[in-house]
N, C-alpha and C. Protein backbone atom coordinates (compact mmCIF):
# COMPACT_ATOMS: atom_id res chain seq x y z
N MET A 1 149.24 97.05 166.53
CA MET A 1 148.80 97.82 167.68
C MET A 1 147.27 97.68 167.81
N PRO A 2 146.79 97.76 169.02
CA PRO A 2 145.34 97.60 169.22
C PRO A 2 144.54 98.69 168.53
N PHE A 3 143.54 98.28 167.83
CA PHE A 3 142.55 99.19 167.26
C PHE A 3 143.14 100.18 166.26
N GLY A 4 144.31 99.89 165.71
CA GLY A 4 144.92 100.80 164.75
C GLY A 4 145.32 102.13 165.36
N MET A 5 145.63 102.15 166.65
CA MET A 5 145.93 103.41 167.34
C MET A 5 147.43 103.70 167.39
N GLY A 6 148.26 102.90 166.78
CA GLY A 6 149.68 103.13 166.84
C GLY A 6 150.22 102.83 168.23
N PRO A 7 151.37 103.40 168.58
CA PRO A 7 151.97 103.13 169.89
C PRO A 7 151.05 103.51 171.05
N TYR A 8 150.21 104.51 170.87
CA TYR A 8 149.31 104.92 171.94
C TYR A 8 148.34 103.79 172.29
N GLY A 9 148.06 102.94 171.35
CA GLY A 9 147.12 101.84 171.59
C GLY A 9 147.57 100.93 172.70
N TRP A 10 148.88 100.65 172.77
CA TRP A 10 149.38 99.80 173.85
C TRP A 10 149.23 100.50 175.19
N PHE A 11 149.51 101.81 175.22
CA PHE A 11 149.34 102.55 176.47
C PHE A 11 147.88 102.53 176.90
N TRP A 12 146.98 102.76 175.97
CA TRP A 12 145.54 102.76 176.29
C TRP A 12 145.12 101.39 176.81
N LEU A 13 145.59 100.36 176.14
CA LEU A 13 145.22 99.01 176.54
C LEU A 13 145.75 98.70 177.93
N TRP A 14 146.99 99.10 178.22
CA TRP A 14 147.59 98.84 179.53
C TRP A 14 146.85 99.63 180.60
N GLN A 15 146.43 100.86 180.32
CA GLN A 15 145.73 101.66 181.31
C GLN A 15 144.34 101.10 181.62
N ASN A 16 143.69 100.56 180.63
CA ASN A 16 142.34 100.06 180.81
C ASN A 16 142.28 98.60 181.23
N TYR A 17 143.32 97.86 180.98
CA TYR A 17 143.40 96.46 181.37
C TYR A 17 144.76 96.23 182.01
N PRO A 18 144.95 96.60 183.28
CA PRO A 18 146.29 96.58 183.87
C PRO A 18 146.93 95.20 183.95
N TYR A 19 146.17 94.15 183.82
CA TYR A 19 146.76 92.82 183.86
C TYR A 19 147.34 92.42 182.51
N PHE A 20 147.06 93.21 181.49
CA PHE A 20 147.53 92.88 180.15
C PHE A 20 148.99 93.28 180.00
N SER A 21 149.73 92.45 179.35
CA SER A 21 151.12 92.72 179.01
C SER A 21 151.33 92.23 177.59
N PRO A 22 152.22 92.86 176.83
CA PRO A 22 152.48 92.34 175.48
C PRO A 22 152.97 90.90 175.49
N PHE A 23 153.44 90.42 176.65
CA PHE A 23 153.96 89.07 176.77
C PHE A 23 152.94 88.11 177.37
N GLY A 24 151.74 88.57 177.62
CA GLY A 24 150.71 87.74 178.22
C GLY A 24 150.17 88.39 179.48
N TYR A 25 149.39 87.66 180.24
CA TYR A 25 148.82 88.21 181.46
C TYR A 25 149.78 88.02 182.62
N LEU A 26 149.80 88.99 183.54
CA LEU A 26 150.69 88.94 184.68
C LEU A 26 150.13 88.04 185.77
N THR A 27 151.01 87.35 186.44
CA THR A 27 150.60 86.59 187.61
C THR A 27 150.44 87.59 188.76
N PRO A 28 149.71 87.23 189.80
CA PRO A 28 149.57 88.15 190.94
C PRO A 28 150.93 88.55 191.54
N GLU A 29 151.88 87.63 191.59
CA GLU A 29 153.21 87.94 192.13
C GLU A 29 153.94 88.93 191.23
N ALA A 30 153.84 88.73 189.93
CA ALA A 30 154.49 89.64 188.98
C ALA A 30 153.85 91.02 189.04
N GLU A 31 152.52 91.05 189.17
CA GLU A 31 151.84 92.34 189.27
C GLU A 31 152.25 93.07 190.55
N LEU A 32 152.35 92.34 191.66
CA LEU A 32 152.78 92.95 192.92
C LEU A 32 154.18 93.52 192.79
N ASN A 33 155.09 92.78 192.19
CA ASN A 33 156.45 93.25 191.98
C ASN A 33 156.45 94.49 191.10
N PHE A 34 155.68 94.46 190.03
CA PHE A 34 155.59 95.60 189.12
C PHE A 34 155.06 96.83 189.85
N LEU A 35 154.02 96.66 190.64
CA LEU A 35 153.43 97.79 191.35
C LEU A 35 154.39 98.37 192.38
N LYS A 36 155.15 97.52 193.05
CA LYS A 36 156.15 98.01 194.01
C LYS A 36 157.23 98.81 193.29
N GLN A 37 157.65 98.35 192.13
CA GLN A 37 158.65 99.08 191.36
C GLN A 37 158.09 100.42 190.90
N GLN A 38 156.84 100.42 190.47
CA GLN A 38 156.21 101.67 190.05
C GLN A 38 156.14 102.65 191.20
N LYS A 39 155.80 102.16 192.39
CA LYS A 39 155.71 103.01 193.57
C LYS A 39 157.06 103.65 193.87
N GLU A 40 158.13 102.85 193.85
CA GLU A 40 159.46 103.38 194.12
C GLU A 40 159.84 104.43 193.08
N PHE A 41 159.54 104.16 191.82
CA PHE A 41 159.85 105.11 190.75
C PHE A 41 159.10 106.42 190.96
N LEU A 42 157.81 106.32 191.25
CA LEU A 42 157.00 107.53 191.43
C LEU A 42 157.42 108.32 192.66
N GLU A 43 157.80 107.63 193.74
CA GLU A 43 158.28 108.32 194.93
C GLU A 43 159.57 109.07 194.62
N ALA A 44 160.46 108.47 193.84
CA ALA A 44 161.71 109.14 193.46
C ALA A 44 161.41 110.36 192.59
N GLN A 45 160.47 110.24 191.69
CA GLN A 45 160.09 111.37 190.85
C GLN A 45 159.50 112.50 191.69
N LEU A 46 158.64 112.16 192.63
CA LEU A 46 158.03 113.15 193.50
C LEU A 46 159.09 113.87 194.34
N LYS A 47 160.06 113.14 194.83
CA LYS A 47 161.14 113.74 195.62
C LYS A 47 161.93 114.72 194.76
N ALA A 48 162.23 114.35 193.53
CA ALA A 48 162.97 115.23 192.62
C ALA A 48 162.16 116.49 192.33
N ILE A 49 160.86 116.35 192.16
CA ILE A 49 159.99 117.51 191.91
C ILE A 49 159.98 118.43 193.12
N GLU A 50 159.86 117.85 194.30
CA GLU A 50 159.84 118.66 195.52
C GLU A 50 161.16 119.41 195.70
N GLU A 51 162.28 118.75 195.42
CA GLU A 51 163.59 119.41 195.52
C GLU A 51 163.69 120.57 194.53
N ARG A 52 163.21 120.35 193.32
CA ARG A 52 163.27 121.42 192.30
C ARG A 52 162.39 122.59 192.71
N ILE A 53 161.22 122.33 193.27
CA ILE A 53 160.35 123.40 193.74
C ILE A 53 161.06 124.21 194.82
N GLN A 54 161.73 123.52 195.74
CA GLN A 54 162.47 124.21 196.80
C GLN A 54 163.57 125.08 196.22
N GLU A 55 164.29 124.58 195.22
CA GLU A 55 165.34 125.35 194.56
C GLU A 55 164.78 126.62 193.93
N LEU A 56 163.68 126.47 193.22
CA LEU A 56 163.08 127.62 192.54
C LEU A 56 162.54 128.64 193.53
N GLU A 57 161.92 128.16 194.60
CA GLU A 57 161.38 129.08 195.61
C GLU A 57 162.51 129.82 196.32
N SER A 58 163.61 129.15 196.61
CA SER A 58 164.70 129.80 197.32
C SER A 58 165.45 130.79 196.40
N SER A 59 165.49 130.52 195.10
CA SER A 59 166.16 131.45 194.20
C SER A 59 165.34 132.69 193.89
N ASN A 60 164.02 132.61 194.09
CA ASN A 60 163.14 133.76 193.84
C ASN A 60 163.12 134.74 194.99
N LYS A 61 163.65 134.35 196.13
CA LYS A 61 163.60 135.24 197.30
C LYS A 61 164.78 136.15 197.36
């Protein structure tokens, strides 16, 4: 792991060097695909959070 940081080291490295991958550097096409997938995942998570907020607000009334 980078810098003796354990599993967190890979996360830190990925956050600070987004083109880095344990398998090598990403091509621009691969990075674009990855970012689109991340966007879809985050949008789904946000939708689930919004639905849960609505459930909690409606049950408190």
